[in-house]
Amino acid sequence: MSKMCKNALTFVMAESEGLFMDTAKRAQFVDLCTKVALYEAPGFNEVTKRIPELLKWVPLYEPFTLQHTKTNLTTSNKKMHKNSLDYTVFAFFGHIILWANELQHAAKLPEIVDKFRLGISRAQILNLLGGYHLWDRLRRDKTINTKRWKHIQKFRQTFAFEEHQFVLILRCMNLGIQVC
């Protein structure tokens, strides 16, 4: 099991009776993670601008911090980088959620994006990722710039496809969804 998956599973198991039992916070977390998976830092900014209370409780969870993930901190004057959160952790959860969403679509089950009213269509996911989820057969669309495409490729290499672990993670998140 990859380190990222192990950390994610440890976190959701510890919080399955805490964070993930709070309906409002769970919905905010799902929204944040999917938007970061699709839009990276601008997605984080969009969600935190819309839901400012996220910035009060999300930094309290150590697994989301740069110090916990031992990510090198580079100084930046950009407003979007003025926090100690590691966006790759949110992206990882978001990509797992998008993967489950595609499984639900294929099985003609109610989809996560609809349940949590994320306002994301399959066409948007395809245009932003080059596939319906990160581990899909990716095709670079002309709308994906080179920098974003490199990030998608990096995430695909960094985030191993660990199907059984993803199902466990989703179950511990108490999303109230059916995954095939």
N, C-alpha and C. Protein backbone atom coordinates (compact mmCIF):
# COMPACT_ATOMS: atom_id res chain seq x y z
N MET A 1 0.84 -1.17 0.00
CA MET A 1 0.00 0.00 0.00
C MET A 1 0.89 1.24 0.00
N SER A 2 0.54 2.20 -0.83
CA SER A 2 1.33 3.42 -0.93
C SER A 2 1.21 4.25 0.36
N LYS A 3 2.20 5.11 0.57
CA LYS A 3 2.21 5.96 1.76
C LYS A 3 0.99 6.89 1.78
N MET A 4 0.67 7.47 0.62
CA MET A 4 -0.47 8.39 0.53
C MET A 4 -1.77 7.67 0.90
N CYS A 5 -1.93 6.47 0.37
CA CYS A 5 -3.15 5.70 0.64
C CYS A 5 -3.21 5.29 2.11
N LYS A 6 -2.08 4.89 2.65
CA LYS A 6 -2.02 4.49 4.06
C LYS A 6 -2.39 5.67 4.97
N ASN A 7 -1.83 6.85 4.68
CA ASN A 7 -2.15 8.04 5.46
C ASN A 7 -3.63 8.42 5.35
N ALA A 8 -4.17 8.32 4.13
CA ALA A 8 -5.58 8.65 3.91
C ALA A 8 -6.48 7.68 4.66
N LEU A 9 -6.16 6.40 4.59
CA LEU A 9 -6.96 5.38 5.27
C LEU A 9 -6.89 5.55 6.79
N THR A 10 -5.71 5.83 7.30
CA THR A 10 -5.55 6.06 8.74
C THR A 10 -6.40 7.26 9.18
N PHE A 11 -6.37 8.32 8.38
CA PHE A 11 -7.14 9.52 8.71
C PHE A 11 -8.64 9.24 8.71
N VAL A 12 -9.16 8.62 7.64
CA VAL A 12 -10.62 8.41 7.57
C VAL A 12 -11.09 7.41 8.62
N MET A 13 -10.26 6.44 8.95
CA MET A 13 -10.65 5.49 10.00
C MET A 13 -10.72 6.21 11.36
N ALA A 14 -9.78 7.10 11.61
CA ALA A 14 -9.78 7.85 12.87
C ALA A 14 -10.94 8.83 12.94
N GLU A 15 -11.34 9.37 11.79
CA GLU A 15 -12.38 10.41 11.76
C GLU A 15 -13.75 9.90 11.33
N SER A 16 -13.91 8.59 11.14
CA SER A 16 -15.21 8.07 10.69
C SER A 16 -16.31 8.35 11.71
N GLU A 17 -15.95 8.48 12.98
CA GLU A 17 -16.92 8.80 14.03
C GLU A 17 -16.86 10.28 14.41
N GLY A 18 -15.97 11.03 13.79
CA GLY A 18 -15.81 12.45 14.11
C GLY A 18 -16.23 13.32 12.94
N LEU A 19 -15.24 13.77 12.18
CA LEU A 19 -15.46 14.65 11.04
C LEU A 19 -16.52 14.11 10.08
N PHE A 20 -16.45 12.83 9.76
CA PHE A 20 -17.34 12.28 8.74
C PHE A 20 -18.74 11.94 9.25
N MET A 21 -19.00 12.18 10.53
CA MET A 21 -20.36 12.05 11.06
C MET A 21 -21.08 13.40 11.01
N ASP A 22 -20.33 14.47 10.85
CA ASP A 22 -20.89 15.82 10.74
C ASP A 22 -21.28 16.05 9.28
N THR A 23 -22.58 16.05 9.02
CA THR A 23 -23.08 16.15 7.64
C THR A 23 -22.57 17.39 6.91
N ALA A 24 -22.59 18.53 7.57
CA ALA A 24 -22.17 19.78 6.93
C ALA A 24 -20.67 19.75 6.60
N LYS A 25 -19.85 19.35 7.57
CA LYS A 25 -18.41 19.30 7.33
C LYS A 25 -18.05 18.26 6.28
N ARG A 26 -18.73 17.13 6.30
CA ARG A 26 -18.47 16.09 5.30
C ARG A 26 -18.76 16.63 3.90
N ALA A 27 -19.88 17.32 3.74
CA ALA A 27 -20.23 17.89 2.43
C ALA A 27 -19.22 18.94 2.00
N GLN A 28 -18.78 19.77 2.94
CA GLN A 28 -17.77 20.79 2.64
C GLN A 28 -16.46 20.13 2.23
N PHE A 29 -16.09 19.07 2.93
CA PHE A 29 -14.85 18.36 2.64
C PHE A 29 -14.90 17.73 1.24
N VAL A 30 -16.01 17.11 0.90
CA VAL A 30 -16.17 16.50 -0.42
C VAL A 30 -16.08 17.58 -1.50
N ASP A 31 -16.74 18.70 -1.28
CA ASP A 31 -16.70 19.81 -2.22
C ASP A 31 -15.26 20.30 -2.40
N LEU A 32 -14.58 20.54 -1.29
CA LEU A 32 -13.19 21.02 -1.33
C LEU A 32 -12.29 20.04 -2.09
N CYS A 33 -12.38 18.78 -1.75
CA CYS A 33 -11.49 17.78 -2.35
C CYS A 33 -11.71 17.62 -3.85
N THR A 34 -12.97 17.58 -4.27
CA THR A 34 -13.23 17.42 -5.71
C THR A 34 -12.78 18.65 -6.49
N LYS A 35 -13.00 19.83 -5.93
CA LYS A 35 -12.59 21.05 -6.63
C LYS A 35 -11.06 21.16 -6.69
N VAL A 36 -10.36 20.74 -5.63
CA VAL A 36 -8.90 20.76 -5.66
C VAL A 36 -8.39 19.73 -6.67
N ALA A 37 -9.03 18.58 -6.75
CA ALA A 37 -8.63 17.56 -7.72
C ALA A 37 -8.78 18.07 -9.15
N LEU A 38 -9.81 18.85 -9.39
CA LEU A 38 -10.07 19.34 -10.74
C LEU A 38 -9.37 20.65 -11.08
N TYR A 39 -9.26 21.56 -10.10
CA TYR A 39 -8.75 22.90 -10.38
C TYR A 39 -7.47 23.27 -9.62
N GLU A 40 -7.00 22.41 -8.73
CA GLU A 40 -5.82 22.66 -7.89
C GLU A 40 -6.05 23.90 -7.01
N ALA A 41 -5.07 24.79 -6.88
CA ALA A 41 -5.17 25.95 -5.97
C ALA A 41 -6.38 26.84 -6.27
N PRO A 42 -6.70 27.13 -7.53
CA PRO A 42 -7.90 27.94 -7.78
C PRO A 42 -9.18 27.28 -7.26
N GLY A 43 -9.24 25.95 -7.27
CA GLY A 43 -10.38 25.23 -6.71
C GLY A 43 -10.47 25.42 -5.22
N PHE A 44 -9.31 25.36 -4.55
CA PHE A 44 -9.25 25.60 -3.11
C PHE A 44 -9.76 27.00 -2.80
N ASN A 45 -9.29 27.98 -3.55
CA ASN A 45 -9.69 29.37 -3.33
C ASN A 45 -11.18 29.58 -3.57
N GLU A 46 -11.71 28.95 -4.61
CA GLU A 46 -13.13 29.10 -4.94
C GLU A 46 -14.00 28.55 -3.80
N VAL A 47 -13.65 27.38 -3.30
CA VAL A 47 -14.45 26.75 -2.24
C VAL A 47 -14.31 27.52 -0.93
N THR A 48 -13.09 27.92 -0.58
CA THR A 48 -12.91 28.64 0.70
C THR A 48 -13.50 30.05 0.65
N LYS A 49 -13.60 30.62 -0.53
CA LYS A 49 -14.26 31.92 -0.65
C LYS A 49 -15.77 31.75 -0.45
N ARG A 50 -16.30 30.66 -0.98
CA ARG A 50 -17.73 30.37 -0.86
C ARG A 50 -18.08 29.86 0.54
N ILE A 51 -17.16 29.08 1.14
CA ILE A 51 -17.39 28.49 2.47
C ILE A 51 -16.21 28.88 3.38
N PRO A 52 -16.18 30.12 3.88
CA PRO A 52 -15.03 30.58 4.66
C PRO A 52 -14.78 29.80 5.95
N GLU A 53 -15.82 29.16 6.51
CA GLU A 53 -15.62 28.41 7.76
C GLU A 53 -14.69 27.21 7.58
N LEU A 54 -14.47 26.78 6.34
CA LEU A 54 -13.51 25.70 6.07
C LEU A 54 -12.12 26.05 6.61
N LEU A 55 -11.74 27.29 6.46
CA LEU A 55 -10.41 27.72 6.90
C LEU A 55 -10.27 27.73 8.42
N LYS A 56 -11.39 27.58 9.12
CA LYS A 56 -11.33 27.51 10.58
C LYS A 56 -11.07 26.08 11.06
N TRP A 57 -11.71 25.09 10.41
CA TRP A 57 -11.58 23.73 10.91
C TRP A 57 -10.62 22.83 10.12
N VAL A 58 -10.43 23.04 8.84
CA VAL A 58 -9.54 22.17 8.05
C VAL A 58 -8.09 22.21 8.55
N PRO A 59 -7.50 23.38 8.84
CA PRO A 59 -6.11 23.38 9.32
C PRO A 59 -5.89 22.69 10.66
N LEU A 60 -6.97 22.41 11.39
CA LEU A 60 -6.84 21.73 12.68
C LEU A 60 -6.48 20.25 12.53
N TYR A 61 -6.69 19.70 11.34
CA TYR A 61 -6.38 18.29 11.09
C TYR A 61 -4.95 18.17 10.57
N GLU A 62 -4.09 17.61 11.39
CA GLU A 62 -2.66 17.52 11.06
C GLU A 62 -2.36 16.82 9.73
N PRO A 63 -3.08 15.76 9.34
CA PRO A 63 -2.74 15.09 8.07
C PRO A 63 -2.85 15.98 6.83
N PHE A 64 -3.50 17.13 6.94
CA PHE A 64 -3.63 18.04 5.80
C PHE A 64 -2.50 19.06 5.72
N THR A 65 -1.60 19.06 6.68
CA THR A 65 -0.57 20.09 6.73
C THR A 65 0.71 19.69 6.01
N LEU A 66 1.43 20.68 5.55
CA LEU A 66 2.70 20.45 4.86
C LEU A 66 3.71 19.80 5.80
N GLN A 67 3.67 20.14 7.06
CA GLN A 67 4.61 19.56 8.03
C GLN A 67 4.38 18.06 8.17
N HIS A 68 3.12 17.64 8.18
CA HIS A 68 2.80 16.22 8.34
C HIS A 68 3.23 15.41 7.11
N THR A 69 2.99 15.96 5.93
CA THR A 69 3.33 15.24 4.70
C THR A 69 4.79 15.42 4.32
N LYS A 70 5.50 16.23 5.11
CA LYS A 70 6.93 16.50 4.89
C LYS A 70 7.20 17.05 3.48
N THR A 71 6.27 17.89 3.03
CA THR A 71 6.42 18.54 1.74
C THR A 71 7.30 19.77 1.92
N ASN A 72 8.22 19.98 1.00
CA ASN A 72 9.08 21.16 1.08
C ASN A 72 8.25 22.42 0.90
N LEU A 73 8.47 23.36 1.77
CA LEU A 73 7.75 24.61 1.72
C LEU A 73 8.58 25.64 0.97
N THR A 74 8.04 26.11 -0.15
CA THR A 74 8.73 27.16 -0.90
C THR A 74 7.99 28.46 -0.64
N THR A 75 8.74 29.50 -0.41
CA THR A 75 8.11 30.79 -0.11
C THR A 75 7.43 31.34 -1.35
N SER A 76 6.28 31.94 -1.11
CA SER A 76 5.49 32.50 -2.20
C SER A 76 4.76 33.73 -1.69
N ASN A 77 4.64 34.73 -2.54
CA ASN A 77 3.91 35.93 -2.17
C ASN A 77 2.45 35.86 -2.61
N LYS A 78 2.08 34.79 -3.30
CA LYS A 78 0.70 34.65 -3.76
C LYS A 78 -0.21 34.40 -2.57
N LYS A 79 -1.35 35.06 -2.59
CA LYS A 79 -2.32 34.92 -1.50
C LYS A 79 -2.77 33.47 -1.36
N MET A 80 -2.94 32.78 -2.50
CA MET A 80 -3.44 31.41 -2.46
C MET A 80 -2.48 30.45 -1.76
N HIS A 81 -1.23 30.83 -1.60
CA HIS A 81 -0.26 29.94 -0.97
C HIS A 81 0.04 30.34 0.47
N LYS A 82 -0.75 31.22 1.04
CA LYS A 82 -0.49 31.71 2.39
C LYS A 82 -1.16 30.84 3.46
N ASN A 83 -0.99 29.54 3.36
CA ASN A 83 -1.45 28.64 4.40
C ASN A 83 -0.51 27.45 4.45
N SER A 84 -0.67 26.61 5.44
CA SER A 84 0.25 25.48 5.61
C SER A 84 -0.41 24.16 5.22
N LEU A 85 -1.37 24.21 4.30
CA LEU A 85 -2.08 23.00 3.89
C LEU A 85 -1.45 22.39 2.65
N ASP A 86 -1.44 21.06 2.60
CA ASP A 86 -0.90 20.34 1.46
C ASP A 86 -2.07 19.97 0.54
N TYR A 87 -2.18 20.67 -0.58
CA TYR A 87 -3.30 20.46 -1.49
C TYR A 87 -3.30 19.08 -2.13
N THR A 88 -2.15 18.41 -2.17
CA THR A 88 -2.12 17.06 -2.77
C THR A 88 -2.96 16.08 -1.97
N VAL A 89 -3.07 16.29 -0.67
CA VAL A 89 -3.90 15.41 0.16
C VAL A 89 -5.37 15.57 -0.24
N PHE A 90 -5.81 16.82 -0.41
CA PHE A 90 -7.19 17.06 -0.84
C PHE A 90 -7.41 16.50 -2.24
N ALA A 91 -6.43 16.68 -3.11
CA ALA A 91 -6.54 16.18 -4.48
C ALA A 91 -6.67 14.66 -4.48
N PHE A 92 -5.92 13.98 -3.61
CA PHE A 92 -6.00 12.52 -3.54
C PHE A 92 -7.41 12.07 -3.18
N PHE A 93 -7.98 12.66 -2.13
CA PHE A 93 -9.36 12.33 -1.76
C PHE A 93 -10.31 12.67 -2.91
N GLY A 94 -10.11 13.82 -3.54
CA GLY A 94 -10.97 14.23 -4.64
C GLY A 94 -10.92 13.27 -5.81
N HIS A 95 -9.73 12.78 -6.14
CA HIS A 95 -9.61 11.83 -7.25
C HIS A 95 -10.28 10.50 -6.91
N ILE A 96 -10.22 10.09 -5.65
CA ILE A 96 -10.93 8.87 -5.24
C ILE A 96 -12.44 9.07 -5.38
N ILE A 97 -12.93 10.23 -4.98
CA ILE A 97 -14.36 10.54 -5.09
C ILE A 97 -14.79 10.56 -6.55
N LEU A 98 -13.97 11.16 -7.42
CA LEU A 98 -14.31 11.20 -8.85
C LEU A 98 -14.26 9.81 -9.47
N TRP A 99 -13.34 8.96 -9.01
CA TRP A 99 -13.28 7.57 -9.46
C TRP A 99 -14.57 6.84 -9.09
N ALA A 100 -15.01 7.00 -7.84
CA ALA A 100 -16.25 6.37 -7.38
C ALA A 100 -17.45 6.90 -8.16
N ASN A 101 -17.43 8.19 -8.46
CA ASN A 101 -18.51 8.80 -9.23
C ASN A 101 -18.64 8.14 -10.60
N GLU A 102 -17.51 7.87 -11.23
CA GLU A 102 -17.54 7.22 -12.55
C GLU A 102 -18.05 5.79 -12.44
N LEU A 103 -17.67 5.08 -11.38
CA LEU A 103 -18.21 3.73 -11.17
C LEU A 103 -19.72 3.78 -11.02
N GLN A 104 -20.20 4.75 -10.28
CA GLN A 104 -21.65 4.90 -10.10
C GLN A 104 -22.34 5.21 -11.42
N HIS A 105 -21.73 6.06 -12.22
CA HIS A 105 -22.31 6.40 -13.52
C HIS A 105 -22.40 5.15 -14.39
N ALA A 106 -21.32 4.37 -14.43
CA ALA A 106 -21.29 3.15 -15.25
C ALA A 106 -22.35 2.14 -14.79
N ALA A 107 -22.60 2.09 -13.48
CA ALA A 107 -23.59 1.16 -12.93
C ALA A 107 -25.00 1.76 -12.89
N LYS A 108 -25.14 2.97 -13.42
CA LYS A 108 -26.42 3.69 -13.44
C LYS A 108 -27.00 3.87 -12.03
N LEU A 109 -26.12 4.18 -11.10
CA LEU A 109 -26.50 4.47 -9.71
C LEU A 109 -26.49 5.99 -9.50
N PRO A 110 -27.17 6.47 -8.46
CA PRO A 110 -27.08 7.91 -8.16
C PRO A 110 -25.61 8.30 -7.91
N GLU A 111 -25.20 9.42 -8.47
CA GLU A 111 -23.79 9.81 -8.43
C GLU A 111 -23.48 10.78 -7.28
N ILE A 112 -22.24 10.69 -6.81
CA ILE A 112 -21.76 11.54 -5.71
C ILE A 112 -21.90 13.02 -6.06
N VAL A 113 -21.54 13.39 -7.29
CA VAL A 113 -21.59 14.82 -7.66
C VAL A 113 -23.01 15.36 -7.58
N ASP A 114 -24.00 14.50 -7.80
CA ASP A 114 -25.39 14.93 -7.68
C ASP A 114 -25.83 14.96 -6.22
N LYS A 115 -25.45 13.93 -5.46
CA LYS A 115 -25.84 13.85 -4.05
C LYS A 115 -25.34 15.06 -3.26
N PHE A 116 -24.10 15.45 -3.52
CA PHE A 116 -23.50 16.57 -2.78
C PHE A 116 -23.64 17.90 -3.52
N ARG A 117 -24.39 17.91 -4.60
CA ARG A 117 -24.66 19.13 -5.40
C ARG A 117 -23.37 19.89 -5.70
N LEU A 118 -22.42 19.18 -6.30
CA LEU A 118 -21.10 19.76 -6.56
C LEU A 118 -21.08 20.64 -7.81
N GLY A 119 -22.10 20.51 -8.65
CA GLY A 119 -22.15 21.34 -9.85
C GLY A 119 -21.07 21.01 -10.86
N ILE A 120 -20.72 19.73 -10.92
CA ILE A 120 -19.68 19.27 -11.86
C ILE A 120 -20.32 18.27 -12.81
N SER A 121 -20.15 18.48 -14.10
CA SER A 121 -20.67 17.53 -15.08
C SER A 121 -19.56 16.58 -15.52
N ARG A 122 -19.96 15.47 -16.12
CA ARG A 122 -18.98 14.52 -16.64
C ARG A 122 -18.13 15.17 -17.73
N ALA A 123 -18.75 16.05 -18.52
CA ALA A 123 -18.01 16.74 -19.58
C ALA A 123 -16.93 17.64 -18.99
N GLN A 124 -17.24 18.30 -17.88
CA GLN A 124 -16.23 19.14 -17.21
C GLN A 124 -15.08 18.29 -16.70
N ILE A 125 -15.41 17.16 -16.08
CA ILE A 125 -14.36 16.27 -15.56
C ILE A 125 -13.46 15.82 -16.70
N LEU A 126 -14.07 15.41 -17.81
CA LEU A 126 -13.31 14.97 -18.98
C LEU A 126 -12.42 16.09 -19.51
N ASN A 127 -12.95 17.30 -19.59
CA ASN A 127 -12.17 18.43 -20.10
C ASN A 127 -11.04 18.84 -19.16
N LEU A 128 -11.25 18.68 -17.86
CA LEU A 128 -10.25 19.12 -16.88
C LEU A 128 -9.18 18.07 -16.59
N LEU A 129 -9.54 16.79 -16.71
CA LEU A 129 -8.59 15.72 -16.39
C LEU A 129 -8.09 14.95 -17.61
N GLY A 130 -8.84 15.01 -18.70
CA GLY A 130 -8.49 14.21 -19.87
C GLY A 130 -9.06 12.81 -19.78
N GLY A 131 -9.85 12.54 -18.76
CA GLY A 131 -10.52 11.26 -18.55
C GLY A 131 -11.61 11.48 -17.52
N TYR A 132 -12.41 10.45 -17.26
CA TYR A 132 -13.50 10.60 -16.29
C TYR A 132 -13.03 10.47 -14.85
N HIS A 133 -11.79 10.01 -14.68
CA HIS A 133 -11.12 10.00 -13.38
C HIS A 133 -9.64 9.89 -13.66
N LEU A 134 -8.82 10.06 -12.65
CA LEU A 134 -7.37 10.13 -12.82
C LEU A 134 -6.78 8.85 -13.40
N TRP A 135 -7.37 7.69 -13.07
CA TRP A 135 -6.79 6.42 -13.51
C TRP A 135 -7.46 5.89 -14.77
N ASP A 136 -8.28 6.71 -15.40
CA ASP A 136 -8.92 6.39 -16.67
C ASP A 136 -7.88 6.49 -17.78
N ARG A 137 -8.24 6.05 -18.98
CA ARG A 137 -7.35 6.26 -20.13
C ARG A 137 -7.38 7.76 -20.43
N LEU A 138 -6.28 8.43 -20.16
CA LEU A 138 -6.24 9.89 -20.29
C LEU A 138 -5.91 10.32 -21.71
N ARG A 139 -6.61 11.36 -22.15
CA ARG A 139 -6.39 11.95 -23.47
C ARG A 139 -6.22 13.44 -23.27
N ARG A 140 -5.13 13.96 -23.76
CA ARG A 140 -4.90 15.40 -23.58
C ARG A 140 -5.78 16.18 -24.53
N ASP A 141 -6.64 16.97 -23.97
CA ASP A 141 -7.53 17.83 -24.72
C ASP A 141 -6.84 19.17 -24.95
N LYS A 142 -7.21 19.86 -26.00
CA LYS A 142 -6.57 21.15 -26.30
C LYS A 142 -6.84 22.20 -25.23
N THR A 143 -7.86 21.96 -24.38
CA THR A 143 -8.17 22.92 -23.32
C THR A 143 -7.26 22.75 -22.10
N ILE A 144 -6.50 21.66 -22.03
CA ILE A 144 -5.59 21.42 -20.89
C ILE A 144 -4.22 21.99 -21.24
N ASN A 145 -3.78 23.00 -20.48
CA ASN A 145 -2.47 23.58 -20.78
C ASN A 145 -1.35 22.65 -20.33
N THR A 146 -0.14 22.93 -20.78
CA THR A 146 1.01 22.05 -20.54
C THR A 146 1.30 21.88 -19.06
N LYS A 147 1.25 22.96 -18.30
CA LYS A 147 1.53 22.88 -16.86
C LYS A 147 0.51 21.97 -16.17
N ARG A 148 -0.76 22.16 -16.47
CA ARG A 148 -1.82 21.32 -15.87
C ARG A 148 -1.64 19.86 -16.29
N TRP A 149 -1.31 19.62 -17.56
CA TRP A 149 -1.13 18.25 -18.04
C TRP A 149 0.03 17.57 -17.30
N LYS A 150 1.10 18.32 -17.04
CA LYS A 150 2.23 17.76 -16.27
C LYS A 150 1.79 17.42 -14.85
N HIS A 151 0.95 18.26 -14.26
CA HIS A 151 0.44 17.98 -12.92
C HIS A 151 -0.43 16.72 -12.92
N ILE A 152 -1.27 16.58 -13.92
CA ILE A 152 -2.12 15.38 -14.02
C ILE A 152 -1.25 14.14 -14.12
N GLN A 153 -0.22 14.19 -14.96
CA GLN A 153 0.69 13.05 -15.11
C GLN A 153 1.42 12.76 -13.79
N LYS A 154 1.83 13.81 -13.09
CA LYS A 154 2.53 13.64 -11.81
C LYS A 154 1.60 13.00 -10.78
N PHE A 155 0.36 13.47 -10.71
CA PHE A 155 -0.60 12.88 -9.78
C PHE A 155 -0.84 11.41 -10.12
N ARG A 156 -0.93 11.12 -11.39
CA ARG A 156 -1.18 9.74 -11.81
C ARG A 156 -0.03 8.83 -11.38
N GLN A 157 1.20 9.32 -11.45
CA GLN A 157 2.35 8.53 -11.01
C GLN A 157 2.42 8.45 -9.49
N THR A 158 2.10 9.54 -8.82
CA THR A 158 2.19 9.60 -7.36
C THR A 158 1.08 8.82 -6.68
N PHE A 159 -0.13 8.92 -7.20
CA PHE A 159 -1.29 8.27 -6.59
C PHE A 159 -1.51 6.91 -7.24
N ALA A 160 -1.02 5.87 -6.60
CA ALA A 160 -1.18 4.51 -7.12
C ALA A 160 -2.66 4.14 -7.16
N PHE A 161 -3.03 3.32 -8.13
CA PHE A 161 -4.42 2.86 -8.25
C PHE A 161 -4.61 1.67 -7.33
N GLU A 162 -5.20 1.91 -6.17
CA GLU A 162 -5.38 0.88 -5.14
C GLU A 162 -6.88 0.75 -4.85
N GLU A 163 -7.54 0.08 -5.76
CA GLU A 163 -9.00 -0.04 -5.76
C GLU A 163 -9.60 -0.46 -4.42
N HIS A 164 -9.07 -1.52 -3.84
CA HIS A 164 -9.63 -2.03 -2.58
C HIS A 164 -9.48 -1.02 -1.44
N GLN A 165 -8.35 -0.32 -1.43
CA GLN A 165 -8.14 0.70 -0.40
C GLN A 165 -9.07 1.89 -0.61
N PHE A 166 -9.32 2.23 -1.89
CA PHE A 166 -10.22 3.33 -2.20
C PHE A 166 -11.63 3.04 -1.66
N VAL A 167 -12.07 1.80 -1.82
CA VAL A 167 -13.40 1.42 -1.33
C VAL A 167 -13.46 1.56 0.19
N LEU A 168 -12.40 1.12 0.87
CA LEU A 168 -12.34 1.27 2.34
C LEU A 168 -12.38 2.74 2.74
N ILE A 169 -11.60 3.56 2.04
CA ILE A 169 -11.57 5.00 2.33
C ILE A 169 -12.97 5.60 2.16
N LEU A 170 -13.64 5.26 1.07
CA LEU A 170 -14.98 5.79 0.81
C LEU A 170 -15.97 5.34 1.88
N ARG A 171 -15.87 4.09 2.29
CA ARG A 171 -16.79 3.59 3.34
C ARG A 171 -16.57 4.33 4.65
N CYS A 172 -15.32 4.55 5.02
CA CYS A 172 -15.02 5.25 6.28
C CYS A 172 -15.44 6.72 6.24
N MET A 173 -15.57 7.27 5.03
CA MET A 173 -15.98 8.66 4.91
C MET A 173 -17.49 8.83 5.14
N ASN A 174 -18.21 7.71 5.26
CA ASN A 174 -19.66 7.75 5.54
C ASN A 174 -20.42 8.63 4.56
N LEU A 175 -20.12 8.48 3.27
CA LEU A 175 -20.76 9.33 2.26
C LEU A 175 -22.20 8.91 1.97
N GLY A 176 -22.60 7.73 2.43
CA GLY A 176 -23.96 7.27 2.19
C GLY A 176 -24.20 6.97 0.72
N ILE A 177 -23.18 6.43 0.08
CA ILE A 177 -23.27 6.13 -1.35
C ILE A 177 -23.03 4.65 -1.57
N GLN A 178 -23.48 4.18 -2.71
CA GLN A 178 -23.25 2.80 -3.09
C GLN A 178 -22.11 2.78 -4.10
N VAL A 179 -21.09 1.99 -3.81
CA VAL A 179 -19.98 1.82 -4.74
C VAL A 179 -19.99 0.37 -5.18
N CYS A 180 -19.96 0.16 -6.48
CA CYS A 180 -20.05 -1.20 -7.03
C CYS A 180 -19.08 -2.16 -6.40
